[in-house]
């Protein structure tokens, strides 16, 4: 595996982690304002994001208040 492959793999891992963080934040927002199927859509995206991370062997930290705060800062 080349150094470029390592960078690509790490980029993919970080993109998958970011997708999970965003999906968690979106689910929290949806739960705070439940309307129609928005909570189910947000839950489906979180499940898909976690499945993608698992499929690629990417460790995703558990959801915690500290991680939620960091995600809020990223959403800007």
Protein backbone atom coordinates (compact mmCIF):
# COMPACT_ATOMS: atom_id res chain seq x y z
CA UNK A 1 0.00 0.00 0.00
CA UNK A 2 1.43 3.37 -1.00
CA UNK A 3 1.44 6.56 1.02
CA UNK A 4 -1.20 7.91 -1.38
CA UNK A 5 -3.42 4.92 -0.59
CA UNK A 6 -3.03 5.61 3.13
CA UNK A 7 -4.13 9.20 2.59
CA UNK A 8 -7.09 8.14 0.51
CA UNK A 9 -8.11 5.57 3.10
CA UNK A 10 -7.84 8.13 5.90
CA UNK A 11 -9.80 10.66 3.83
CA UNK A 12 -12.55 8.08 3.33
CA UNK A 13 -12.56 7.23 7.04
CA UNK A 14 -12.85 10.89 8.01
CA UNK A 15 -15.62 11.46 5.45
CA UNK A 16 -17.56 8.51 6.89
CA UNK A 17 -17.07 9.79 10.45
CA UNK A 18 -18.26 13.24 9.37
CA UNK A 19 -21.33 11.66 7.75
CA UNK A 20 -22.15 9.87 11.00
CA UNK A 21 -21.64 13.06 13.05
CA UNK A 22 -23.92 14.98 10.70
CA UNK A 23 -26.55 12.24 10.73
CA UNK A 24 -26.52 12.23 14.55
CA UNK A 25 -26.93 16.00 14.64
CA UNK A 26 -29.75 15.85 12.08
CA UNK A 27 -31.53 13.16 14.09
CA UNK A 28 -31.27 15.25 17.26
CA UNK A 29 -32.72 18.24 15.38
CA UNK A 30 -35.53 16.11 13.95
CA UNK A 31 -36.38 14.66 17.36
CA UNK A 32 -36.60 18.15 18.83
CA UNK A 33 -39.18 19.13 16.19
CA UNK A 34 -40.96 15.93 15.16
CA UNK A 35 -43.05 16.50 12.07
CA UNK A 36 -44.32 13.75 9.82
CA UNK A 37 -41.64 11.32 8.72
CA UNK A 38 -38.61 13.58 9.34
CA UNK A 39 -37.47 11.56 12.36
CA UNK A 40 -37.67 8.31 10.39
CA UNK A 41 -35.71 9.82 7.49
CA UNK A 42 -33.03 11.07 9.89
CA UNK A 43 -32.87 7.66 11.61
CA UNK A 44 -32.53 5.91 8.24
CA UNK A 45 -29.62 8.20 7.28
CA UNK A 46 -27.87 7.52 10.59
CA UNK A 47 -28.31 3.77 10.13
CA UNK A 48 -26.98 4.01 6.55
CA UNK A 49 -24.01 6.11 7.67
CA UNK A 50 -23.12 3.67 10.45
CA UNK A 51 -23.49 0.71 8.07
CA UNK A 52 -21.17 2.36 5.54
CA UNK A 53 -18.57 2.99 8.25
CA UNK A 54 -18.78 -0.64 9.41
CA UNK A 55 -18.53 -1.91 5.82
CA UNK A 56 -15.26 -0.01 5.42
CA UNK A 57 -13.89 -1.00 8.83
CA UNK A 58 -14.06 2.57 10.15
CA UNK A 59 -14.33 2.99 13.91
CA UNK A 60 -16.91 5.59 14.86
CA UNK A 61 -16.87 7.02 18.37
CA UNK A 62 -20.06 6.62 20.36
CA UNK A 63 -22.46 9.53 20.46
CA UNK A 64 -21.87 11.70 23.51
CA UNK A 65 -22.58 15.27 24.51
CA UNK A 66 -18.94 16.17 23.74
CA UNK A 67 -19.24 14.75 20.22
CA UNK A 68 -22.57 16.51 19.70
CA UNK A 69 -21.00 19.83 20.67
CA UNK A 70 -18.15 19.26 18.21
CA UNK A 71 -20.61 18.44 15.44
CA UNK A 72 -22.54 21.64 16.13
CA UNK A 73 -19.34 23.62 15.61
CA UNK A 74 -18.75 21.90 12.28
CA UNK A 75 -22.21 22.61 10.94
CA UNK A 76 -21.60 26.36 11.23
